[in-house]
Amino acid sequence: MPIISEKLDQFFDQKMKEYPTQRSFLVPMLLYTQDELGCLTDEAIAHIAKKTDLTELEVRNVISYYSLLRTKPLGKYHVQVCTNISCMLRGGEELLDHCKNRLGIGHKQTTRDGVFSLEEVECIGACSWAPAVQVNYDFHENLTPETMDAVLDKYQNQR
């Protein structure tokens, strides 16, 4: 059984031709692989290292540098709470604490049922509407603990 789909592997082969070196396409390869698999598995890391003529350690170093790359699966709904200055001043840290208590998990943790994961993030670019949260690719702004509960309830009911 292939580590990644044949279609994705062929896409990598074609795209790598557009770059000056094979390693130049490493971060996009990691992102595409993560999207397909849900996280970067040991097997996927080994495969990508071989394709780019890098060691597995070199690939893992890149993964550890970028917070958007992960080696463990996230919950179905990944709740990212901004605590950067604008959000912090308007209640972002309290919102994060509320989410921790409501979900029973901490930063970079996933609920036992796999529905939610939680992460404190630096900025999601919604400073004018602080405090803001991103759930997967959806933005939620001007939040309070009460409106955050409604957001979480909405996702809980969609599972």
C-alpha atoms as a PDB file:
ATOM      1  CA  MET A   1       0.000   0.000   0.000  1.00  0.00           C
ATOM      2  CA  PRO A   2       1.456   3.399  -0.950  1.00  0.00           C
ATOM      3  CA  ILE A   3       2.259   5.941   1.723  1.00  0.00           C
ATOM      4  CA  ILE A   4       0.640   8.761  -0.250  1.00  0.00           C
ATOM      5  CA  SER A   5      -1.647   8.508  -3.225  1.00  0.00           C
ATOM      6  CA  GLU A   6      -0.094   7.850  -6.613  1.00  0.00           C
ATOM      7  CA  LYS A   7      -1.734  11.028  -7.893  1.00  0.00           C
ATOM      8  CA  LEU A   8      -0.056  13.133  -5.191  1.00  0.00           C
ATOM      9  CA  ASP A   9       3.291  11.446  -5.731  1.00  0.00           C
ATOM     10  CA  GLN A  10       3.102  12.162  -9.471  1.00  0.00           C
ATOM     11  CA  PHE A  11       2.160  15.760  -8.719  1.00  0.00           C
ATOM     12  CA  PHE A  12       5.297  16.046  -6.560  1.00  0.00           C
ATOM     13  CA  ASP A  13       7.449  14.659  -9.358  1.00  0.00           C
ATOM     14  CA  GLN A  14       6.081  17.243 -11.805  1.00  0.00           C
ATOM     15  CA  LYS A  15       6.249  20.222  -9.435  1.00  0.00           C
ATOM     16  CA  MET A  16       9.796  19.447  -8.293  1.00  0.00           C
ATOM     17  CA  LYS A  17      10.944  20.016 -11.888  1.00  0.00           C
ATOM     18  CA  GLU A  18       9.909  23.671 -11.520  1.00  0.00           C
ATOM     19  CA  TYR A  19      12.260  24.284  -8.599  1.00  0.00           C
ATOM     20  CA  PRO A  20      16.040  24.802  -8.627  1.00  0.00           C
ATOM     21  CA  THR A  21      16.614  21.906  -6.221  1.00  0.00           C
ATOM     22  CA  GLN A  22      14.418  19.068  -5.033  1.00  0.00           C
ATOM     23  CA  ARG A  23      14.536  20.341  -1.459  1.00  0.00           C
ATOM     24  CA  SER A  24      13.058  23.695  -2.552  1.00  0.00           C
ATOM     25  CA  PHE A  25       9.617  22.078  -2.763  1.00  0.00           C
ATOM     26  CA  LEU A  26       9.870  20.482   0.704  1.00  0.00           C
ATOM     27  CA  VAL A  27       7.410  22.665   2.641  1.00  0.00           C
ATOM     28  CA  PRO A  28       4.667  22.443  -0.001  1.00  0.00           C
ATOM     29  CA  MET A  29       5.212  18.661  -0.155  1.00  0.00           C
ATOM     30  CA  LEU A  30       4.775  18.446   3.590  1.00  0.00           C
ATOM     31  CA  LEU A  31       1.599  20.531   3.489  1.00  0.00           C
ATOM     32  CA  TYR A  32       0.050  18.519   0.642  1.00  0.00           C
ATOM     33  CA  THR A  33       0.953  15.272   2.398  1.00  0.00           C
ATOM     34  CA  GLN A  34      -0.487  16.479   5.681  1.00  0.00           C
ATOM     35  CA  ASP A  35      -3.710  17.474   3.925  1.00  0.00           C
ATOM     36  CA  GLU A  36      -3.993  14.022   2.382  1.00  0.00           C
ATOM     37  CA  LEU A  37      -3.059  11.972   5.454  1.00  0.00           C
ATOM     38  CA  GLY A  38      -4.203  14.224   8.291  1.00  0.00           C
ATOM     39  CA  CYS A  39      -0.693  14.416   9.733  1.00  0.00           C
ATOM     40  CA  LEU A  40       2.884  13.639   8.768  1.00  0.00           C
ATOM     41  CA  THR A  41       3.484   9.982   9.569  1.00  0.00           C
ATOM     42  CA  ASP A  42       6.906   8.392  10.006  1.00  0.00           C
ATOM     43  CA  GLU A  43       6.438   6.606   6.688  1.00  0.00           C
ATOM     44  CA  ALA A  44       5.496   9.823   4.891  1.00  0.00           C
ATOM     45  CA  ILE A  45       8.505  11.634   6.351  1.00  0.00           C
ATOM     46  CA  ALA A  46      10.816   8.846   5.158  1.00  0.00           C
ATOM     47  CA  HIS A  47       9.226   8.941   1.690  1.00  0.00           C
ATOM     48  CA  ILE A  48       9.580  12.714   1.372  1.00  0.00           C
ATOM     49  CA  ALA A  49      13.164  12.618   2.658  1.00  0.00           C
ATOM     50  CA  LYS A  50      14.051  10.114  -0.040  1.00  0.00           C
ATOM     51  CA  LYS A  51      12.303  12.156  -2.774  1.00  0.00           C
ATOM     52  CA  THR A  52      14.146  15.335  -1.781  1.00  0.00           C
ATOM     53  CA  ASP A  53      17.558  13.762  -1.101  1.00  0.00           C
ATOM     54  CA  LEU A  54      17.387  14.842   2.527  1.00  0.00           C
ATOM     55  CA  THR A  55      17.772  12.854   5.722  1.00  0.00           C
ATOM     56  CA  GLU A  56      14.694  12.157   7.808  1.00  0.00           C
ATOM     57  CA  LEU A  57      16.226  14.337  10.520  1.00  0.00           C
ATOM     58  CA  GLU A  58      16.475  17.281   8.118  1.00  0.00           C
ATOM     59  CA  VAL A  59      12.807  16.853   7.189  1.00  0.00           C
ATOM     60  CA  ARG A  60      11.817  16.568  10.866  1.00  0.00           C
ATOM     61  CA  ASN A  61      13.758  19.756  11.630  1.00  0.00           C
ATOM     62  CA  VAL A  62      11.627  21.605   9.083  1.00  0.00           C
ATOM     63  CA  ILE A  63       8.452  20.074  10.535  1.00  0.00           C
ATOM     64  CA  SER A  64       9.400  21.160  14.045  1.00  0.00           C
ATOM     65  CA  TYR A  65      10.116  24.712  12.865  1.00  0.00           C
ATOM     66  CA  TYR A  66       6.691  25.352  11.308  1.00  0.00           C
ATOM     67  CA  SER A  67       3.771  25.279  13.746  1.00  0.00           C
ATOM     68  CA  LEU A  68       1.336  24.453  10.947  1.00  0.00           C
ATOM     69  CA  LEU A  69       3.043  21.106  10.326  1.00  0.00           C
ATOM     70  CA  ARG A  70       2.214  18.247  12.672  1.00  0.00           C
ATOM     71  CA  THR A  71       3.064  14.620  13.276  1.00  0.00           C
ATOM     72  CA  LYS A  72      -0.068  13.850  15.298  1.00  0.00           C
ATOM     73  CA  PRO A  73      -3.620  14.017  13.990  1.00  0.00           C
ATOM     74  CA  LEU A  74      -5.832  16.910  15.023  1.00  0.00           C
ATOM     75  CA  GLY A  75      -9.455  16.752  16.004  1.00  0.00           C
ATOM     76  CA  LYS A  76     -12.139  16.939  13.353  1.00  0.00           C
ATOM     77  CA  TYR A  77     -12.506  20.585  14.377  1.00  0.00           C
ATOM     78  CA  HIS A  78      -9.252  22.397  15.089  1.00  0.00           C
ATOM     79  CA  VAL A  79      -9.951  25.403  17.323  1.00  0.00           C
ATOM     80  CA  GLN A  80      -7.253  28.063  17.055  1.00  0.00           C
ATOM     81  CA  VAL A  81      -7.588  30.862  19.592  1.00  0.00           C
ATOM     82  CA  CYS A  82      -5.621  34.030  18.869  1.00  0.00           C
ATOM     83  CA  THR A  83      -3.891  35.556  21.897  1.00  0.00           C
ATOM     84  CA  ASN A  84      -1.780  38.143  20.082  1.00  0.00           C
ATOM     85  CA  ILE A  85      -1.942  41.757  21.269  1.00  0.00           C
ATOM     86  CA  SER A  86      -5.292  42.856  19.782  1.00  0.00           C
ATOM     87  CA  CYS A  87      -7.056  39.675  20.803  1.00  0.00           C
ATOM     88  CA  MET A  88      -5.296  39.597  24.172  1.00  0.00           C
ATOM     89  CA  LEU A  89      -6.469  43.123  24.991  1.00  0.00           C
ATOM     90  CA  ARG A  90     -10.054  42.202  24.090  1.00  0.00           C
ATOM     91  CA  GLY A  91     -10.253  38.896  25.990  1.00  0.00           C
ATOM     92  CA  GLY A  92      -8.360  36.337  23.893  1.00  0.00           C
ATOM     93  CA  GLU A  93      -6.596  34.751  26.869  1.00  0.00           C
ATOM     94  CA  GLU A  94      -9.889  34.445  28.762  1.00  0.00           C
ATOM     95  CA  LEU A  95     -11.419  32.897  25.655  1.00  0.00           C
ATOM     96  CA  LEU A  96      -8.586  30.373  25.492  1.00  0.00           C
ATOM     97  CA  ASP A  97      -9.076  29.508  29.173  1.00  0.00           C
ATOM     98  CA  HIS A  98     -12.801  29.134  28.546  1.00  0.00           C
ATOM     99  CA  CYS A  99     -12.135  26.740  25.647  1.00  0.00           C
ATOM    100  CA  LYS A 100      -9.690  24.729  27.770  1.00  0.00           C
ATOM    101  CA  ASN A 101     -12.303  24.333  30.493  1.00  0.00           C
ATOM    102  CA  ARG A 102     -15.188  23.669  28.120  1.00  0.00           C
ATOM    103  CA  LEU A 103     -13.306  21.074  26.050  1.00  0.00           C
ATOM    104  CA  GLY A 104     -11.265  19.615  28.924  1.00  0.00           C
ATOM    105  CA  ILE A 105      -8.006  19.873  26.955  1.00  0.00           C
ATOM    106  CA  GLY A 106      -5.006  22.165  26.776  1.00  0.00           C
ATOM    107  CA  HIS A 107      -2.857  23.733  24.096  1.00  0.00           C
ATOM    108  CA  LYS A 108      -2.115  21.346  21.205  1.00  0.00           C
ATOM    109  CA  GLN A 109      -4.304  18.620  22.689  1.00  0.00           C
ATOM    110  CA  THR A 110      -7.250  16.709  21.248  1.00  0.00           C
ATOM    111  CA  THR A 111     -10.425  15.583  22.991  1.00  0.00           C
ATOM    112  CA  ARG A 112     -10.689  11.860  23.663  1.00  0.00           C
ATOM    113  CA  ASP A 113     -13.454  11.478  21.096  1.00  0.00           C
ATOM    114  CA  GLY A 114     -11.284  13.162  18.447  1.00  0.00           C
ATOM    115  CA  VAL A 115     -13.854  15.867  17.737  1.00  0.00           C
ATOM    116  CA  PHE A 116     -11.908  18.944  18.902  1.00  0.00           C
ATOM    117  CA  SER A 117      -8.285  19.978  19.126  1.00  0.00           C
ATOM    118  CA  LEU A 118      -7.203  23.261  20.670  1.00  0.00           C
ATOM    119  CA  GLU A 119      -4.290  25.527  19.922  1.00  0.00           C
ATOM    120  CA  GLU A 120      -3.213  28.967  21.076  1.00  0.00           C
ATOM    121  CA  VAL A 121      -1.972  30.890  18.037  1.00  0.00           C
ATOM    122  CA  GLU A 122      -0.157  34.163  17.554  1.00  0.00           C
ATOM    123  CA  CYS A 123      -2.290  35.859  14.913  1.00  0.00           C
ATOM    124  CA  ILE A 124      -5.034  34.914  12.504  1.00  0.00           C
ATOM    125  CA  GLY A 125      -5.268  38.361  10.913  1.00  0.00           C
ATOM    126  CA  ALA A 126      -8.574  39.431  12.416  1.00  0.00           C
ATOM    127  CA  CYS A 127      -7.292  42.190  14.710  1.00  0.00           C
ATOM    128  CA  SER A 128     -10.156  44.589  13.937  1.00  0.00           C
ATOM    129  CA  TRP A 129     -12.666  41.997  15.112  1.00  0.00           C
ATOM    130  CA  ALA A 130     -10.846  40.728  18.193  1.00  0.00           C
ATOM    131  CA  PRO A 131     -10.994  38.416  19.949  1.00  0.00           C
ATOM    132  CA  ALA A 132     -11.006  35.966  17.089  1.00  0.00           C
ATOM    133  CA  VAL A 133     -10.924  32.201  16.671  1.00  0.00           C
ATOM    134  CA  GLN A 134     -10.425  30.059  13.609  1.00  0.00           C
ATOM    135  CA  VAL A 135     -12.046  26.622  13.468  1.00  0.00           C
ATOM    136  CA  ASN A 136     -10.578  24.709  10.541  1.00  0.00           C
ATOM    137  CA  TYR A 137     -10.965  27.336   7.793  1.00  0.00           C
ATOM    138  CA  ASP A 138     -13.847  29.287   9.373  1.00  0.00           C
ATOM    139  CA  PHE A 139     -13.299  32.563  11.225  1.00  0.00           C
ATOM    140  CA  HIS A 140     -15.327  33.640  14.256  1.00  0.00           C
ATOM    141  CA  GLU A 141     -14.906  37.173  15.573  1.00  0.00           C
ATOM    142  CA  ASN A 142     -15.956  39.517  18.411  1.00  0.00           C
ATOM    143  CA  LEU A 143     -16.315  36.515  20.681  1.00  0.00           C
ATOM    144  CA  THR A 144     -17.251  36.225  24.327  1.00  0.00           C
ATOM    145  CA  PRO A 145     -17.310  33.005  26.348  1.00  0.00           C
ATOM    146  CA  GLU A 146     -21.049  32.786  25.674  1.00  0.00           C
ATOM    147  CA  THR A 147     -20.751  33.243  21.908  1.00  0.00           C
ATOM    148  CA  MET A 148     -17.790  30.831  21.904  1.00  0.00           C
ATOM    149  CA  ASP A 149     -20.050  28.222  23.491  1.00  0.00           C
ATOM    150  CA  ALA A 150     -22.503  28.709  20.614  1.00  0.00           C
ATOM    151  CA  VAL A 151     -19.652  28.241  18.104  1.00  0.00           C
ATOM    152  CA  LEU A 152     -18.499  25.033  19.799  1.00  0.00           C
ATOM    153  CA  ASP A 153     -22.087  23.772  20.060  1.00  0.00           C
ATOM    154  CA  LYS A 154     -22.539  24.310  16.314  1.00  0.00           C
ATOM    155  CA  TYR A 155     -19.520  22.146  15.498  1.00  0.00           C
ATOM    156  CA  GLN A 156     -20.399  19.563  18.145  1.00  0.00           C
ATOM    157  CA  ASN A 157     -23.831  19.159  16.548  1.00  0.00           C
ATOM    158  CA  GLN A 158     -22.339  18.768  13.031  1.00  0.00           C
ATOM    159  CA  ARG A 159     -20.258  15.734  13.826  1.00  0.00           C
END
